[in-house]
Amino acid sequence: MKIRNFISVLLIPVILLTGCGKTEQQGEGTKQSGDTVNVAASEVVKAVLAEVPINSSVEKGKGELENYYSGLDLSTVEDAAFALCGSGALPDEIAVIKCNSPDAANNAKAALSSHLDKQKELFATYTPDEMYKLEGAVIFTKGNYAVYIALSDNGKAKSVAEGKLA
């Protein structure tokens, strides 16, 4: 009987610590086991801009998406944040769009790819010295998120964004 009590005393804390539906803290967001991260799009943008800033940056939100990114199905967008050069003189830009499903995120990725093509056409003659940002631009999805990065260090920016979305 003593062994049974001893085992019970040991197992109860283990069971309580492992728990069902474990949640891990991820900065401002949370991640539930088996789910994708749930972090505010603005937090991802801020984290990237802290490492790879945009000169005269202007930050925008979900309400302004349709003015900048055509082809997005806004009914599938839950949250969004983006930042770009306020003067419009540079192609620097980051956008993080949280959709209601991975399929919707893939559709948003297609709209972001179309946006990149338009940016390349615009900046090719306007500021050809800045084209490296667009030529090395990164567009990816992670769970319900679609991300567009065209900055001075796209690799570093992608790494920061992926870290926030991990």
C-alpha atoms as a PDB file:
ATOM      1  CA  MET A   1       0.000   0.000   0.000  1.00  0.00           C
ATOM      2  CA  LYS A   2       2.873   2.366   0.749  1.00  0.00           C
ATOM      3  CA  ILE A   3       4.257   1.919  -2.765  1.00  0.00           C
ATOM      4  CA  ARG A   4       0.877   2.801  -4.302  1.00  0.00           C
ATOM      5  CA  ASN A   5       0.704   6.011  -2.217  1.00  0.00           C
ATOM      6  CA  PHE A   6       4.277   6.871  -3.099  1.00  0.00           C
ATOM      7  CA  ILE A   7       3.589   6.441  -6.839  1.00  0.00           C
ATOM      8  CA  SER A   8       0.408   8.520  -6.545  1.00  0.00           C
ATOM      9  CA  VAL A   9       2.324  11.320  -4.863  1.00  0.00           C
ATOM     10  CA  LEU A  10       4.856  11.291  -7.697  1.00  0.00           C
ATOM     11  CA  LEU A  11       2.366  11.005 -10.568  1.00  0.00           C
ATOM     12  CA  ILE A  12      -0.110  13.692  -9.539  1.00  0.00           C
ATOM     13  CA  PRO A  13       2.364  16.606 -10.003  1.00  0.00           C
ATOM     14  CA  VAL A  14       3.565  15.109 -13.301  1.00  0.00           C
ATOM     15  CA  ILE A  15       0.001  14.896 -14.594  1.00  0.00           C
ATOM     16  CA  LEU A  16      -0.740  18.432 -13.440  1.00  0.00           C
ATOM     17  CA  LEU A  17       2.403  19.817 -15.043  1.00  0.00           C
ATOM     18  CA  THR A  18       1.865  18.141 -18.402  1.00  0.00           C
ATOM     19  CA  GLY A  19      -1.867  18.939 -18.520  1.00  0.00           C
ATOM     20  CA  CYS A  20      -4.210  18.777 -21.485  1.00  0.00           C
ATOM     21  CA  GLY A  21      -4.330  21.569 -24.062  1.00  0.00           C
ATOM     22  CA  LYS A  22      -0.972  22.937 -22.984  1.00  0.00           C
ATOM     23  CA  THR A  23      -0.383  26.581 -23.955  1.00  0.00           C
ATOM     24  CA  GLU A  24       3.063  28.099 -24.537  1.00  0.00           C
ATOM     25  CA  GLN A  25       3.619  31.833 -24.286  1.00  0.00           C
ATOM     26  CA  GLN A  26       5.055  33.415 -27.449  1.00  0.00           C
ATOM     27  CA  GLY A  27       5.643  37.105 -26.794  1.00  0.00           C
ATOM     28  CA  GLU A  28       2.261  38.800 -27.195  1.00  0.00           C
ATOM     29  CA  GLY A  29       0.631  35.727 -28.726  1.00  0.00           C
ATOM     30  CA  THR A  30      -0.030  32.198 -27.639  1.00  0.00           C
ATOM     31  CA  LYS A  31       0.489  28.857 -29.247  1.00  0.00           C
ATOM     32  CA  GLN A  32      -1.712  25.925 -28.476  1.00  0.00           C
ATOM     33  CA  SER A  33      -0.475  22.391 -29.031  1.00  0.00           C
ATOM     34  CA  GLY A  34      -1.215  21.306 -32.589  1.00  0.00           C
ATOM     35  CA  ASP A  35      -2.287  24.804 -33.657  1.00  0.00           C
ATOM     36  CA  THR A  36      -0.467  27.629 -35.335  1.00  0.00           C
ATOM     37  CA  VAL A  37       0.651  30.633 -33.388  1.00  0.00           C
ATOM     38  CA  ASN A  38      -1.850  33.373 -32.597  1.00  0.00           C
ATOM     39  CA  VAL A  39       0.067  36.649 -32.581  1.00  0.00           C
ATOM     40  CA  ALA A  40      -1.080  40.102 -33.611  1.00  0.00           C
ATOM     41  CA  ALA A  41       0.096  41.049 -37.100  1.00  0.00           C
ATOM     42  CA  SER A  42       1.284  44.411 -35.737  1.00  0.00           C
ATOM     43  CA  GLU A  43       3.590  42.606 -33.281  1.00  0.00           C
ATOM     44  CA  VAL A  44       5.306  40.778 -36.145  1.00  0.00           C
ATOM     45  CA  VAL A  45       5.701  44.016 -38.118  1.00  0.00           C
ATOM     46  CA  LYS A  46       7.114  45.840 -35.077  1.00  0.00           C
ATOM     47  CA  ALA A  47       9.590  43.039 -34.376  1.00  0.00           C
ATOM     48  CA  VAL A  48      10.845  43.100 -37.971  1.00  0.00           C
ATOM     49  CA  LEU A  49      11.109  46.902 -38.058  1.00  0.00           C
ATOM     50  CA  ALA A  50      13.121  46.835 -34.820  1.00  0.00           C
ATOM     51  CA  GLU A  51      15.768  44.804 -36.673  1.00  0.00           C
ATOM     52  CA  VAL A  52      15.388  46.104 -40.246  1.00  0.00           C
ATOM     53  CA  PRO A  53      13.962  49.639 -40.105  1.00  0.00           C
ATOM     54  CA  ILE A  54      12.281  51.557 -42.912  1.00  0.00           C
ATOM     55  CA  ASN A  55      13.222  55.220 -43.398  1.00  0.00           C
ATOM     56  CA  SER A  56      10.196  57.430 -42.678  1.00  0.00           C
ATOM     57  CA  SER A  57       8.102  54.344 -41.959  1.00  0.00           C
ATOM     58  CA  VAL A  58       4.320  54.579 -41.921  1.00  0.00           C
ATOM     59  CA  GLU A  59       2.411  51.744 -40.290  1.00  0.00           C
ATOM     60  CA  LYS A  60      -1.068  50.793 -41.447  1.00  0.00           C
ATOM     61  CA  GLY A  61      -3.718  48.277 -40.420  1.00  0.00           C
ATOM     62  CA  LYS A  62      -6.441  46.018 -41.731  1.00  0.00           C
ATOM     63  CA  GLY A  63      -8.745  48.916 -42.636  1.00  0.00           C
ATOM     64  CA  GLU A  64      -6.288  50.184 -45.222  1.00  0.00           C
ATOM     65  CA  LEU A  65      -5.476  46.873 -46.940  1.00  0.00           C
ATOM     66  CA  GLU A  66      -7.705  47.400 -49.963  1.00  0.00           C
ATOM     67  CA  ASN A  67      -5.943  50.699 -50.749  1.00  0.00           C
ATOM     68  CA  TYR A  68      -2.591  48.930 -51.130  1.00  0.00           C
ATOM     69  CA  TYR A  69      -3.132  45.270 -51.985  1.00  0.00           C
ATOM     70  CA  SER A  70      -5.600  44.468 -54.737  1.00  0.00           C
ATOM     71  CA  GLY A  71      -6.966  40.974 -55.105  1.00  0.00           C
ATOM     72  CA  LEU A  72      -7.258  40.223 -51.386  1.00  0.00           C
ATOM     73  CA  ASP A  73     -10.468  38.623 -50.197  1.00  0.00           C
ATOM     74  CA  LEU A  74     -11.015  40.914 -47.228  1.00  0.00           C
ATOM     75  CA  SER A  75     -13.770  38.668 -45.859  1.00  0.00           C
ATOM     76  CA  THR A  76     -11.087  36.081 -45.006  1.00  0.00           C
ATOM     77  CA  VAL A  77      -8.735  38.538 -43.276  1.00  0.00           C
ATOM     78  CA  GLU A  78      -8.868  38.497 -39.482  1.00  0.00           C
ATOM     79  CA  ASP A  79      -5.953  40.852 -38.756  1.00  0.00           C
ATOM     80  CA  ALA A  80      -3.366  42.721 -40.759  1.00  0.00           C
ATOM     81  CA  ALA A  81      -0.564  45.210 -40.366  1.00  0.00           C
ATOM     82  CA  PHE A  82       1.877  46.643 -42.826  1.00  0.00           C
ATOM     83  CA  ALA A  83       4.534  49.309 -42.976  1.00  0.00           C
ATOM     84  CA  LEU A  84       6.056  51.133 -45.907  1.00  0.00           C
ATOM     85  CA  CYS A  85       8.146  54.145 -46.765  1.00  0.00           C
ATOM     86  CA  GLY A  86       5.895  57.138 -46.064  1.00  0.00           C
ATOM     87  CA  SER A  87       7.310  59.245 -48.870  1.00  0.00           C
ATOM     88  CA  GLY A  88       6.828  56.493 -51.435  1.00  0.00           C
ATOM     89  CA  ALA A  89      10.374  57.074 -52.676  1.00  0.00           C
ATOM     90  CA  LEU A  90      11.614  53.658 -51.557  1.00  0.00           C
ATOM     91  CA  PRO A  91      10.112  50.198 -52.144  1.00  0.00           C
ATOM     92  CA  ASP A  92      10.655  49.203 -48.494  1.00  0.00           C
ATOM     93  CA  GLU A  93       7.602  47.357 -47.236  1.00  0.00           C
ATOM     94  CA  ILE A  94       6.461  44.612 -44.903  1.00  0.00           C
ATOM     95  CA  ALA A  95       2.949  43.203 -44.672  1.00  0.00           C
ATOM     96  CA  VAL A  96       1.582  40.545 -42.324  1.00  0.00           C
ATOM     97  CA  ILE A  97      -1.920  39.304 -43.037  1.00  0.00           C
ATOM     98  CA  LYS A  98      -3.678  36.860 -40.728  1.00  0.00           C
ATOM     99  CA  CYS A  99      -6.434  34.960 -42.495  1.00  0.00           C
ATOM    100  CA  ASN A 100      -9.130  32.638 -41.207  1.00  0.00           C
ATOM    101  CA  SER A 101      -7.536  29.528 -42.774  1.00  0.00           C
ATOM    102  CA  PRO A 102      -4.331  28.302 -44.408  1.00  0.00           C
ATOM    103  CA  ASP A 103      -6.132  28.230 -47.794  1.00  0.00           C
ATOM    104  CA  ALA A 104      -7.090  31.883 -47.386  1.00  0.00           C
ATOM    105  CA  ALA A 105      -3.454  32.636 -46.479  1.00  0.00           C
ATOM    106  CA  ASN A 106      -2.348  30.999 -49.738  1.00  0.00           C
ATOM    107  CA  ASN A 107      -4.827  33.196 -51.628  1.00  0.00           C
ATOM    108  CA  ALA A 108      -3.433  36.240 -49.817  1.00  0.00           C
ATOM    109  CA  LYS A 109       0.066  35.113 -50.802  1.00  0.00           C
ATOM    110  CA  ALA A 110      -1.017  35.143 -54.462  1.00  0.00           C
ATOM    111  CA  ALA A 111      -2.335  38.702 -54.060  1.00  0.00           C
ATOM    112  CA  LEU A 112       0.974  39.720 -52.439  1.00  0.00           C
ATOM    113  CA  SER A 113       2.889  38.161 -55.342  1.00  0.00           C
ATOM    114  CA  SER A 114       0.820  40.236 -57.749  1.00  0.00           C
ATOM    115  CA  HIS A 115       1.592  43.322 -55.642  1.00  0.00           C
ATOM    116  CA  LEU A 116       5.317  42.545 -55.873  1.00  0.00           C
ATOM    117  CA  ASP A 117       5.104  42.352 -59.671  1.00  0.00           C
ATOM    118  CA  LYS A 118       3.470  45.800 -59.762  1.00  0.00           C
ATOM    119  CA  GLN A 119       6.112  47.207 -57.422  1.00  0.00           C
ATOM    120  CA  LYS A 120       8.886  45.876 -59.646  1.00  0.00           C
ATOM    121  CA  GLU A 121       7.356  47.601 -62.675  1.00  0.00           C
ATOM    122  CA  LEU A 122       6.957  50.863 -60.780  1.00  0.00           C
ATOM    123  CA  PHE A 123      10.399  51.021 -59.171  1.00  0.00           C
ATOM    124  CA  ALA A 124      12.437  49.668 -62.124  1.00  0.00           C
ATOM    125  CA  THR A 125      12.608  53.123 -63.654  1.00  0.00           C
ATOM    126  CA  TYR A 126      11.804  55.232 -60.586  1.00  0.00           C
ATOM    127  CA  THR A 127      14.592  54.056 -58.261  1.00  0.00           C
ATOM    128  CA  PRO A 128      16.627  51.359 -60.017  1.00  0.00           C
ATOM    129  CA  ASP A 129      19.261  51.413 -57.234  1.00  0.00           C
ATOM    130  CA  GLU A 130      16.607  50.115 -54.819  1.00  0.00           C
ATOM    131  CA  MET A 131      15.539  47.160 -56.970  1.00  0.00           C
ATOM    132  CA  TYR A 132      17.649  44.726 -54.941  1.00  0.00           C
ATOM    133  CA  LYS A 133      14.980  44.965 -52.224  1.00  0.00           C
ATOM    134  CA  LEU A 134      12.287  43.846 -54.655  1.00  0.00           C
ATOM    135  CA  GLU A 135      14.429  41.304 -56.489  1.00  0.00           C
ATOM    136  CA  GLY A 136      15.190  39.628 -53.167  1.00  0.00           C
ATOM    137  CA  ALA A 137      11.689  40.085 -51.752  1.00  0.00           C
ATOM    138  CA  VAL A 138      10.253  37.257 -49.692  1.00  0.00           C
ATOM    139  CA  ILE A 139       6.634  36.149 -49.696  1.00  0.00           C
ATOM    140  CA  PHE A 140       5.618  33.178 -47.587  1.00  0.00           C
ATOM    141  CA  THR A 141       2.825  31.661 -45.562  1.00  0.00           C
ATOM    142  CA  LYS A 142       2.951  30.187 -42.091  1.00  0.00           C
ATOM    143  CA  GLY A 143      -0.306  28.656 -40.908  1.00  0.00           C
ATOM    144  CA  ASN A 144      -2.997  31.309 -41.344  1.00  0.00           C
ATOM    145  CA  TYR A 145      -0.480  34.102 -41.998  1.00  0.00           C
ATOM    146  CA  ALA A 146       0.739  35.508 -45.314  1.00  0.00           C
ATOM    147  CA  VAL A 147       3.862  37.670 -45.168  1.00  0.00           C
ATOM    148  CA  TYR A 148       5.412  40.075 -47.706  1.00  0.00           C
ATOM    149  CA  ILE A 149       8.918  41.441 -47.107  1.00  0.00           C
ATOM    150  CA  ALA A 150      10.804  43.865 -49.354  1.00  0.00           C
ATOM    151  CA  LEU A 151      13.454  45.495 -47.181  1.00  0.00           C
ATOM    152  CA  SER A 152      17.171  46.207 -47.104  1.00  0.00           C
ATOM    153  CA  ASP A 153      17.891  42.838 -45.438  1.00  0.00           C
ATOM    154  CA  ASN A 154      15.153  40.428 -46.503  1.00  0.00           C
ATOM    155  CA  GLY A 155      16.857  37.378 -45.002  1.00  0.00           C
ATOM    156  CA  LYS A 156      17.122  38.907 -41.550  1.00  0.00           C
ATOM    157  CA  ALA A 157      13.557  40.263 -41.752  1.00  0.00           C
ATOM    158  CA  LYS A 158      12.225  36.832 -42.739  1.00  0.00           C
ATOM    159  CA  SER A 159      14.073  35.203 -39.871  1.00  0.00           C
ATOM    160  CA  VAL A 160      12.552  37.657 -37.373  1.00  0.00           C
ATOM    161  CA  ALA A 161       9.048  37.217 -38.814  1.00  0.00           C
ATOM    162  CA  GLU A 162       9.315  33.428 -38.776  1.00  0.00           C
ATOM    163  CA  GLY A 163      10.553  33.581 -35.178  1.00  0.00           C
ATOM    164  CA  LYS A 164       7.456  35.510 -34.123  1.00  0.00           C
ATOM    165  CA  LEU A 165       5.203  33.111 -36.034  1.00  0.00           C
ATOM    166  CA  ALA A 166       6.894  29.923 -34.750  1.00  0.00           C
END
